[in-house]
PDB file of all heavy atoms in Angstrom:
ATOM      1  N   HIS A   1     123.566  15.678 291.246  1.00  0.00           N
ATOM      2  CA  HIS A   1     123.637  15.179 292.614  1.00  0.00           C
ATOM      3  C   HIS A   1     123.760  13.659 292.576  1.00  0.00           C
ATOM      4  O   HIS A   1     122.895  12.969 292.032  1.00  0.00           O
ATOM      5  CB  HIS A   1     122.384  15.583 293.403  1.00  0.00           C
ATOM      6  CG  HIS A   1     122.136  17.055 293.396  1.00  0.00           C
ATOM      7  ND1 HIS A   1     122.579  17.877 294.404  1.00  0.00           N
ATOM      8  CD2 HIS A   1     121.510  17.856 292.499  1.00  0.00           C
ATOM      9  CE1 HIS A   1     122.227  19.125 294.139  1.00  0.00           C
ATOM     10  NE2 HIS A   1     121.574  19.136 292.989  1.00  0.00           N
ATOM     11  N   ALA A   2     124.841  13.146 293.154  1.00  0.00           N
ATOM     12  CA  ALA A   2     125.094  11.710 293.151  1.00  0.00           C
ATOM     13  C   ALA A   2     125.873  11.339 294.400  1.00  0.00           C
ATOM     14  O   ALA A   2     126.526  12.181 295.014  1.00  0.00           O
ATOM     15  CB  ALA A   2     125.876  11.320 291.897  1.00  0.00           C
ATOM     16  N   PRO A   3     125.840  10.077 294.815  1.00  0.00           N
ATOM     17  CA  PRO A   3     126.624   9.641 295.984  1.00  0.00           C
ATOM     18  C   PRO A   3     128.111   9.869 295.760  1.00  0.00           C
ATOM     19  O   PRO A   3     128.637   9.579 294.688  1.00  0.00           O
ATOM     20  CB  PRO A   3     126.303   8.147 296.092  1.00  0.00           C
ATOM     21  CG  PRO A   3     125.026   7.970 295.355  1.00  0.00           C
ATOM     22  CD  PRO A   3     125.029   8.976 294.264  1.00  0.00           C
ATOM     23  N   MET A   4     128.769  10.390 296.767  1.00  0.00           N
ATOM     24  CA  MET A   4     130.204  10.650 296.658  1.00  0.00           C
ATOM     25  C   MET A   4     131.032   9.492 297.197  1.00  0.00           C
ATOM     26  O   MET A   4     132.226   9.395 296.925  1.00  0.00           O
ATOM     27  CB  MET A   4     130.560  11.931 297.414  1.00  0.00           C
ATOM     28  CG  MET A   4     129.845  13.171 296.880  1.00  0.00           C
ATOM     29  SD  MET A   4     130.206  13.495 295.144  1.00  0.00           S
ATOM     30  CE  MET A   4     131.948  13.916 295.258  1.00  0.00           C
ATOM     31  N   ALA A   5     130.421   8.613 297.975  1.00  0.00           N
ATOM     32  CA  ALA A   5     131.147   7.493 298.560  1.00  0.00           C
ATOM     33  C   ALA A   5     130.494   6.182 298.120  1.00  0.00           C
ATOM     34  O   ALA A   5     129.335   6.151 297.683  1.00  0.00           O
ATOM     35  CB  ALA A   5     131.141   7.587 300.083  1.00  0.00           C
ATOM     36  N   LYS A   6     131.233   5.116 298.212  1.00  0.00           N
ATOM     37  CA  LYS A   6     130.726   3.804 297.857  1.00  0.00           C
ATOM     38  C   LYS A   6     129.634   3.392 298.831  1.00  0.00           C
ATOM     39  O   LYS A   6     129.821   3.446 300.039  1.00  0.00           O
ATOM     40  CB  LYS A   6     131.867   2.783 297.887  1.00  0.00           C
ATOM     41  CG  LYS A   6     131.485   1.409 297.371  1.00  0.00           C
ATOM     42  CD  LYS A   6     132.700   0.497 297.325  1.00  0.00           C
ATOM     43  CE  LYS A   6     132.327  -0.871 296.793  1.00  0.00           C
ATOM     44  NZ  LYS A   6     133.502  -1.776 296.724  1.00  0.00           N
ATOM     45  N   LEU A   7     128.491   2.985 298.306  1.00  0.00           N
ATOM     46  CA  LEU A   7     127.369   2.614 299.151  1.00  0.00           C
ATOM     47  C   LEU A   7     127.602   1.243 299.786  1.00  0.00           C
ATOM     48  O   LEU A   7     128.333   0.408 299.260  1.00  0.00           O
ATOM     49  CB  LEU A   7     126.085   2.590 298.326  1.00  0.00           C
ATOM     50  CG  LEU A   7     125.693   3.918 297.656  1.00  0.00           C
ATOM     51  CD1 LEU A   7     124.416   3.739 296.860  1.00  0.00           C
ATOM     52  CD2 LEU A   7     125.532   5.014 298.695  1.00  0.00           C
ATOM     53  N   HIS A   8     126.933   1.018 300.931  1.00  0.00           N
ATOM     54  CA  HIS A   8     127.104  -0.254 301.648  1.00  0.00           C
ATOM     55  C   HIS A   8     126.551  -1.421 300.842  1.00  0.00           C
ATOM     56  O   HIS A   8     127.171  -2.485 300.731  1.00  0.00           O
ATOM     57  CB  HIS A   8     126.417  -0.188 303.009  1.00  0.00           C
ATOM     58  CG  HIS A   8     126.504  -1.466 303.790  1.00  0.00           C
ATOM     59  ND1 HIS A   8     127.699  -1.982 304.252  1.00  0.00           N
ATOM     60  CD2 HIS A   8     125.542  -2.349 304.160  1.00  0.00           C
ATOM     61  CE1 HIS A   8     127.481  -3.113 304.878  1.00  0.00           C
ATOM     62  NE2 HIS A   8     126.187  -3.360 304.845  1.00  0.00           N
ATOM     63  N   VAL A   9     125.348  -1.246 300.286  1.00  0.00           N
ATOM     64  CA  VAL A   9     124.741  -2.256 299.421  1.00  0.00           C
ATOM     65  C   VAL A   9     124.739  -1.704 298.006  1.00  0.00           C
ATOM     66  O   VAL A   9     124.197  -0.628 297.752  1.00  0.00           O
ATOM     67  CB  VAL A   9     123.302  -2.596 299.863  1.00  0.00           C
ATOM     68  CG1 VAL A   9     122.688  -3.616 298.913  1.00  0.00           C
ATOM     69  CG2 VAL A   9     123.298  -3.127 301.288  1.00  0.00           C
ATOM     70  N   LEU A  10     125.335  -2.428 297.082  1.00  0.00           N
ATOM     71  CA  LEU A  10     125.517  -1.917 295.733  1.00  0.00           C
ATOM     72  C   LEU A  10     124.389  -2.369 294.811  1.00  0.00           C
ATOM     73  O   LEU A  10     123.912  -3.497 294.895  1.00  0.00           O
ATOM     74  CB  LEU A  10     126.855  -2.401 295.168  1.00  0.00           C
ATOM     75  CG  LEU A  10     128.097  -1.974 295.951  1.00  0.00           C
ATOM     76  CD1 LEU A  10     129.336  -2.570 295.328  1.00  0.00           C
ATOM     77  CD2 LEU A  10     128.192  -0.455 296.007  1.00  0.00           C
ATOM     78  N   ALA A  11     123.961  -1.448 293.956  1.00  0.00           N
ATOM     79  CA  ALA A  11     123.017  -1.788 292.904  1.00  0.00           C
ATOM     80  C   ALA A  11     123.803  -2.156 291.642  1.00  0.00           C
ATOM     81  O   ALA A  11     125.009  -1.951 291.557  1.00  0.00           O
ATOM     82  CB  ALA A  11     122.075  -0.614 292.645  1.00  0.00           C
ATOM     83  N   ARG A  12     123.110  -2.686 290.649  1.00  0.00           N
ATOM     84  CA  ARG A  12     123.760  -3.144 289.428  1.00  0.00           C
ATOM     85  C   ARG A  12     122.983  -2.712 288.200  1.00  0.00           C
ATOM     86  O   ARG A  12     121.765  -2.690 288.186  1.00  0.00           O
ATOM     87  CB  ARG A  12     123.852  -4.681 289.424  1.00  0.00           C
ATOM     88  CG  ARG A  12     124.727  -5.263 290.513  1.00  0.00           C
ATOM     89  CD  ARG A  12     126.158  -5.335 290.106  1.00  0.00           C
ATOM     90  NE  ARG A  12     127.021  -5.739 291.215  1.00  0.00           N
ATOM     91  CZ  ARG A  12     128.329  -5.903 291.103  1.00  0.00           C
ATOM     92  NH1 ARG A  12     128.920  -5.729 289.925  1.00  0.00           N
ATOM     93  NH2 ARG A  12     129.053  -6.247 292.146  1.00  0.00           N
ATOM     94  N   GLN A  13     123.710  -2.333 287.157  1.00  0.00           N
ATOM     95  CA  GLN A  13     123.113  -2.228 285.837  1.00  0.00           C
ATOM     96  C   GLN A  13     122.822  -3.649 285.367  1.00  0.00           C
ATOM     97  O   GLN A  13     123.571  -4.573 285.673  1.00  0.00           O
ATOM     98  CB  GLN A  13     124.057  -1.531 284.857  1.00  0.00           C
ATOM     99  CG  GLN A  13     124.509  -0.151 285.292  1.00  0.00           C
ATOM    100  CD  GLN A  13     123.411   0.888 285.220  1.00  0.00           C
ATOM    101  OE1 GLN A  13     122.326   0.629 284.689  1.00  0.00           O
ATOM    102  NE2 GLN A  13     123.651   2.063 285.758  1.00  0.00           N
ATOM    103  N   LEU A  14     121.750  -3.822 284.626  1.00  0.00           N
ATOM    104  CA  LEU A  14     121.283  -5.172 284.337  1.00  0.00           C
ATOM    105  C   LEU A  14     121.178  -5.404 282.832  1.00  0.00           C
ATOM    106  O   LEU A  14     120.567  -4.613 282.108  1.00  0.00           O
ATOM    107  CB  LEU A  14     119.910  -5.385 284.978  1.00  0.00           C
ATOM    108  CG  LEU A  14     119.481  -6.817 285.253  1.00  0.00           C
ATOM    109  CD1 LEU A  14     120.434  -7.483 286.222  1.00  0.00           C
ATOM    110  CD2 LEU A  14     118.071  -6.832 285.812  1.00  0.00           C
ATOM    111  N   HIS A  15     121.794  -6.491 282.391  1.00  0.00           N
ATOM    112  CA  HIS A  15     121.598  -6.974 281.027  1.00  0.00           C
ATOM    113  C   HIS A  15     120.496  -8.024 281.100  1.00  0.00           C
ATOM    114  O   HIS A  15     120.742  -9.184 281.436  1.00  0.00           O
ATOM    115  CB  HIS A  15     122.896  -7.568 280.486  1.00  0.00           C
ATOM    116  CG  HIS A  15     122.815  -7.963 279.043  1.00  0.00           C
ATOM    117  ND1 HIS A  15     122.113  -9.063 278.620  1.00  0.00           N
ATOM    118  CD2 HIS A  15     123.333  -7.393 277.927  1.00  0.00           C
ATOM    119  CE1 HIS A  15     122.208  -9.177 277.309  1.00  0.00           C
ATOM    120  NE2 HIS A  15     122.943  -8.175 276.874  1.00  0.00           N
ATOM    121  N   ARG A  16     119.263  -7.620 280.791  1.00  0.00           N
ATOM    122  CA  ARG A  16     118.116  -8.470 281.064  1.00  0.00           C
ATOM    123  C   ARG A  16     118.166  -9.831 280.385  1.00  0.00           C
ATOM    124  O   ARG A  16     117.900 -10.861 281.040  1.00  0.00           O
ATOM    125  CB  ARG A  16     116.826  -7.740 280.709  1.00  0.00           C
ATOM    126  CG  ARG A  16     116.270  -6.868 281.835  1.00  0.00           C
ATOM    127  CD  ARG A  16     115.802  -7.681 283.025  1.00  0.00           C
ATOM    128  NE  ARG A  16     114.812  -8.679 282.661  1.00  0.00           N
ATOM    129  CZ  ARG A  16     113.507  -8.439 282.533  1.00  0.00           C
ATOM    130  NH1 ARG A  16     113.035  -7.209 282.779  1.00  0.00           N
ATOM    131  NH2 ARG A  16     112.673  -9.390 282.209  1.00  0.00           N
ATOM    132  N   PRO A  17     118.440  -9.942 279.088  1.00  0.00           N
ATOM    133  CA  PRO A  17     118.447 -11.289 278.493  1.00  0.00           C
ATOM    134  C   PRO A  17     119.424 -12.230 279.182  1.00  0.00           C
ATOM    135  O   PRO A  17     119.100 -13.395 279.465  1.00  0.00           O
ATOM    136  CB  PRO A  17     118.850 -11.020 277.028  1.00  0.00           C
ATOM    137  CG  PRO A  17     118.399  -9.618 276.779  1.00  0.00           C
ATOM    138  CD  PRO A  17     118.632  -8.890 278.070  1.00  0.00           C
ATOM    139  N   ASP A  18     120.625 -11.729 279.490  1.00  0.00           N
ATOM    140  CA  ASP A  18     121.623 -12.550 280.166  1.00  0.00           C
ATOM    141  C   ASP A  18     121.161 -12.933 281.570  1.00  0.00           C
ATOM    142  O   ASP A  18     121.283 -14.089 281.991  1.00  0.00           O
ATOM    143  CB  ASP A  18     122.948 -11.792 280.231  1.00  0.00           C
ATOM    144  CG  ASP A  18     124.036 -12.577 280.957  1.00  0.00           C
ATOM    145  OD1 ASP A  18     124.574 -13.523 280.356  1.00  0.00           O
ATOM    146  OD2 ASP A  18     124.329 -12.249 282.114  1.00  0.00           O
ATOM    147  N   PHE A  19     120.609 -11.967 282.296  1.00  0.00           N
ATOM    148  CA  PHE A  19     120.179 -12.225 283.669  1.00  0.00           C
ATOM    149  C   PHE A  19     118.988 -13.173 283.706  1.00  0.00           C
ATOM    150  O   PHE A  19     118.919 -14.069 284.556  1.00  0.00           O
ATOM    151  CB  PHE A  19     119.826 -10.918 284.364  1.00  0.00           C
ATOM    152  CG  PHE A  19     119.466 -11.091 285.811  1.00  0.00           C
ATOM    153  CD1 PHE A  19     120.452 -11.283 286.766  1.00  0.00           C
ATOM    154  CD2 PHE A  19     118.141 -11.085 286.213  1.00  0.00           C
ATOM    155  CE1 PHE A  19     120.129 -11.464 288.107  1.00  0.00           C
ATOM    156  CE2 PHE A  19     117.801 -11.264 287.544  1.00  0.00           C
ATOM    157  CZ  PHE A  19     118.800 -11.447 288.489  1.00  0.00           C
ATOM    158  N   ASP A  20     118.034 -12.991 282.794  1.00  0.00           N
ATOM    159  CA  ASP A  20     116.855 -13.857 282.773  1.00  0.00           C
ATOM    160  C   ASP A  20     117.244 -15.312 282.527  1.00  0.00           C
ATOM    161  O   ASP A  20     116.693 -16.232 283.143  1.00  0.00           O
ATOM    162  CB  ASP A  20     115.883 -13.389 281.695  1.00  0.00           C
ATOM    163  CG  ASP A  20     115.175 -12.104 282.069  1.00  0.00           C
ATOM    164  OD1 ASP A  20     115.618 -11.433 283.023  1.00  0.00           O
ATOM    165  OD2 ASP A  20     114.185 -11.757 281.404  1.00  0.00           O
ATOM    166  N   ARG A  21     118.197 -15.541 281.624  1.00  0.00           N
ATOM    167  CA  ARG A  21     118.639 -16.911 281.360  1.00  0.00           C
ATOM    168  C   ARG A  21     119.294 -17.530 282.593  1.00  0.00           C
ATOM    169  O   ARG A  21     119.068 -18.700 282.907  1.00  0.00           O
ATOM    170  CB  ARG A  21     119.609 -16.925 280.171  1.00  0.00           C
ATOM    171  CG  ARG A  21     118.952 -16.703 278.824  1.00  0.00           C
ATOM    172  CD  ARG A  21     119.927 -16.992 277.700  1.00  0.00           C
ATOM    173  NE  ARG A  21     121.037 -16.040 277.695  1.00  0.00           N
ATOM    174  CZ  ARG A  21     121.057 -14.913 277.007  1.00  0.00           C
ATOM    175  NH1 ARG A  21     119.994 -14.569 276.279  1.00  0.00           N
ATOM    176  NH2 ARG A  21     122.100 -14.112 277.040  1.00  0.00           N
ATOM    177  N   GLU A  22     120.098 -16.729 283.313  1.00  0.00           N
ATOM    178  CA  GLU A  22     120.762 -17.261 284.500  1.00  0.00           C
ATOM    179  C   GLU A  22     119.767 -17.539 285.615  1.00  0.00           C
ATOM    180  O   GLU A  22     119.890 -18.539 286.333  1.00  0.00           O
ATOM    181  CB  GLU A  22     121.828 -16.273 284.979  1.00  0.00           C
ATOM    182  CG  GLU A  22     122.597 -16.704 286.222  1.00  0.00           C
ATOM    183  CD  GLU A  22     123.429 -17.959 286.012  1.00  0.00           C
ATOM    184  OE1 GLU A  22     123.596 -18.381 284.841  1.00  0.00           O
ATOM    185  OE2 GLU A  22     123.920 -18.522 287.017  1.00  0.00           O
ATOM    186  N   LEU A  23     118.766 -16.672 285.776  1.00  0.00           N
ATOM    187  CA  LEU A  23     117.733 -16.895 286.796  1.00  0.00           C
ATOM    188  C   LEU A  23     116.999 -18.198 286.520  1.00  0.00           C
ATOM    189  O   LEU A  23     116.763 -18.996 287.438  1.00  0.00           O
ATOM    190  CB  LEU A  23     116.757 -15.720 286.812  1.00  0.00           C
ATOM    191  CG  LEU A  23     115.517 -15.863 287.697  1.00  0.00           C
ATOM    192  CD1 LEU A  23     115.904 -16.074 289.156  1.00  0.00           C
ATOM    193  CD2 LEU A  23     114.614 -14.639 287.548  1.00  0.00           C
ATOM    194  N   ALA A  24     116.639 -18.447 285.261  1.00  0.00           N
ATOM    195  CA  ALA A  24     115.958 -19.686 284.909  1.00  0.00           C
ATOM    196  C   ALA A  24     116.863 -20.888 285.168  1.00  0.00           C
ATOM    197  O   ALA A  24     116.410 -21.926 285.666  1.00  0.00           O
ATOM    198  CB  ALA A  24     115.520 -19.650 283.450  1.00  0.00           C
ATOM    199  N   ARG A  25     118.147 -20.755 284.843  1.00  0.00           N
ATOM    200  CA  ARG A  25     119.082 -21.861 285.065  1.00  0.00           C
ATOM    201  C   ARG A  25     119.185 -22.197 286.555  1.00  0.00           C
ATOM    202  O   ARG A  25     119.165 -23.375 286.950  1.00  0.00           O
ATOM    203  CB  ARG A  25     120.463 -21.508 284.511  1.00  0.00           C
ATOM    204  CG  ARG A  25     121.458 -22.671 284.537  1.00  0.00           C
ATOM    205  CD  ARG A  25     122.869 -22.197 284.311  1.00  0.00           C
ATOM    206  NE  ARG A  25     123.373 -21.418 285.440  1.00  0.00           N
ATOM    207  CZ  ARG A  25     123.824 -21.943 286.570  1.00  0.00           C
ATOM    208  NH1 ARG A  25     123.814 -23.273 286.746  1.00  0.00           N
ATOM    209  NH2 ARG A  25     124.273 -21.173 287.552  1.00  0.00           N
ATOM    210  N   VAL A  26     119.283 -21.171 287.398  1.00  0.00           N
ATOM    211  CA  VAL A  26     119.387 -21.387 288.841  1.00  0.00           C
ATOM    212  C   VAL A  26     118.103 -22.031 289.373  1.00  0.00           C
ATOM    213  O   VAL A  26     118.146 -22.948 290.208  1.00  0.00           O
ATOM    214  CB  VAL A  26     119.678 -20.059 289.559  1.00  0.00           C
ATOM    215  CG1 VAL A  26     119.497 -20.197 291.072  1.00  0.00           C
ATOM    216  CG2 VAL A  26     121.095 -19.584 289.240  1.00  0.00           C
ATOM    217  N   ALA A  27     116.954 -21.570 288.892  1.00  0.00           N
ATOM    218  CA  ALA A  27     115.685 -22.147 289.342  1.00  0.00           C
ATOM    219  C   ALA A  27     115.598 -23.624 288.968  1.00  0.00           C
ATOM    220  O   ALA A  27     115.210 -24.468 289.791  1.00  0.00           O
ATOM    221  CB  ALA A  27     114.518 -21.371 288.738  1.00  0.00           C
ATOM    222  N   GLU A  28     115.976 -23.955 287.738  1.00  0.00           N
ATOM    223  CA  GLU A  28     115.934 -25.353 287.307  1.00  0.00           C
ATOM    224  C   GLU A  28     116.936 -26.203 288.091  1.00  0.00           C
ATOM    225  O   GLU A  28     116.680 -27.367 288.399  1.00  0.00           O
ATOM    226  CB  GLU A  28     116.198 -25.438 285.812  1.00  0.00           C
ATOM    227  CG  GLU A  28     115.040 -24.929 284.970  1.00  0.00           C
ATOM    228  CD  GLU A  28     115.268 -25.125 283.494  1.00  0.00           C
ATOM    229  OE1 GLU A  28     116.058 -24.366 282.890  1.00  0.00           O
ATOM    230  OE2 GLU A  28     114.653 -26.052 282.929  1.00  0.00           O
ATOM    231  N   GLN A  29     118.070 -25.613 288.408  1.00  0.00           N
ATOM    232  CA  GLN A  29     119.074 -26.324 289.195  1.00  0.00           C
ATOM    233  C   GLN A  29     118.538 -26.662 290.578  1.00  0.00           C
ATOM    234  O   GLN A  29     118.881 -27.695 291.162  1.00  0.00           O
ATOM    235  CB  GLN A  29     120.338 -25.473 289.295  1.00  0.00           C
ATOM    236  CG  GLN A  29     121.541 -26.192 289.870  1.00  0.00           C
ATOM    237  CD  GLN A  29     122.780 -25.315 289.856  1.00  0.00           C
ATOM    238  OE1 GLN A  29     122.786 -24.194 290.375  1.00  0.00           O
ATOM    239  NE2 GLN A  29     123.848 -25.810 289.252  1.00  0.00           N
ATOM    240  N   ARG A  30     117.678 -25.817 291.112  1.00  0.00           N
ATOM    241  CA  ARG A  30     117.076 -26.065 292.425  1.00  0.00           C
ATOM    242  C   ARG A  30     115.972 -27.117 292.361  1.00  0.00           C
ATOM    243  O   ARG A  30     115.532 -27.611 293.394  1.00  0.00           O
ATOM    244  CB  ARG A  30     116.515 -24.767 292.997  1.00  0.00           C
ATOM    245  CG  ARG A  30     117.571 -23.782 293.463  1.00  0.00           C
ATOM    246  CD  ARG A  30     116.935 -22.574 294.146  1.00  0.00           C
ATOM    247  NE  ARG A  30     117.933 -21.662 294.676  1.00  0.00           N
ATOM    248  CZ  ARG A  30     118.516 -21.803 295.866  1.00  0.00           C
ATOM    249  NH1 ARG A  30     118.178 -22.826 296.627  1.00  0.00           N
ATOM    250  NH2 ARG A  30     119.408 -20.933 296.275  1.00  0.00           N
ATOM    251  N   GLY A  31     115.485 -27.407 291.159  1.00  0.00           N
ATOM    252  CA  GLY A  31     114.452 -28.429 291.022  1.00  0.00           C
ATOM    253  C   GLY A  31     113.193 -27.984 290.323  1.00  0.00           C
ATOM    254  O   GLY A  31     112.270 -28.789 290.126  1.00  0.00           O
ATOM    255  N   VAL A  32     113.106 -26.706 289.942  1.00  0.00           N
ATOM    256  CA  VAL A  32     111.938 -26.218 289.208  1.00  0.00           C
ATOM    257  C   VAL A  32     111.942 -26.840 287.812  1.00  0.00           C
ATOM    258  O   VAL A  32     112.982 -26.912 287.153  1.00  0.00           O
ATOM    259  CB  VAL A  32     111.950 -24.682 289.099  1.00  0.00           C
ATOM    260  CG1 VAL A  32     110.800 -24.190 288.213  1.00  0.00           C
ATOM    261  CG2 VAL A  32     111.869 -24.050 290.486  1.00  0.00           C
ATOM    262  N   ARG A  33     110.800 -27.289 287.376  1.00  0.00           N
ATOM    263  CA  ARG A  33     110.690 -27.890 286.050  1.00  0.00           C
ATOM    264  C   ARG A  33     110.141 -26.872 285.058  1.00  0.00           C
ATOM    265  O   ARG A  33     109.224 -26.117 285.378  1.00  0.00           O
ATOM    266  CB  ARG A  33     109.768 -29.101 286.097  1.00  0.00           C
ATOM    267  CG  ARG A  33     109.693 -29.848 284.771  1.00  0.00           C
ATOM    268  CD  ARG A  33     109.001 -31.177 284.969  1.00  0.00           C
ATOM    269  NE  ARG A  33     109.174 -32.009 283.787  1.00  0.00           N
ATOM    270  CZ  ARG A  33     109.020 -33.319 283.795  1.00  0.00           C
ATOM    271  NH1 ARG A  33     108.720 -33.932 284.909  1.00  0.00           N
ATOM    272  NH2 ARG A  33     109.164 -34.021 282.694  1.00  0.00           N
TER     273      ARG A  33
END
């Protein structure tokens, strides 16, 4: 049993090491030290 149509809000498979590095980069870009 799975969705047959494209959902309105999409989820994502996650590559954690890559995503964690980008999250930290974005936070530092905003001013987090």
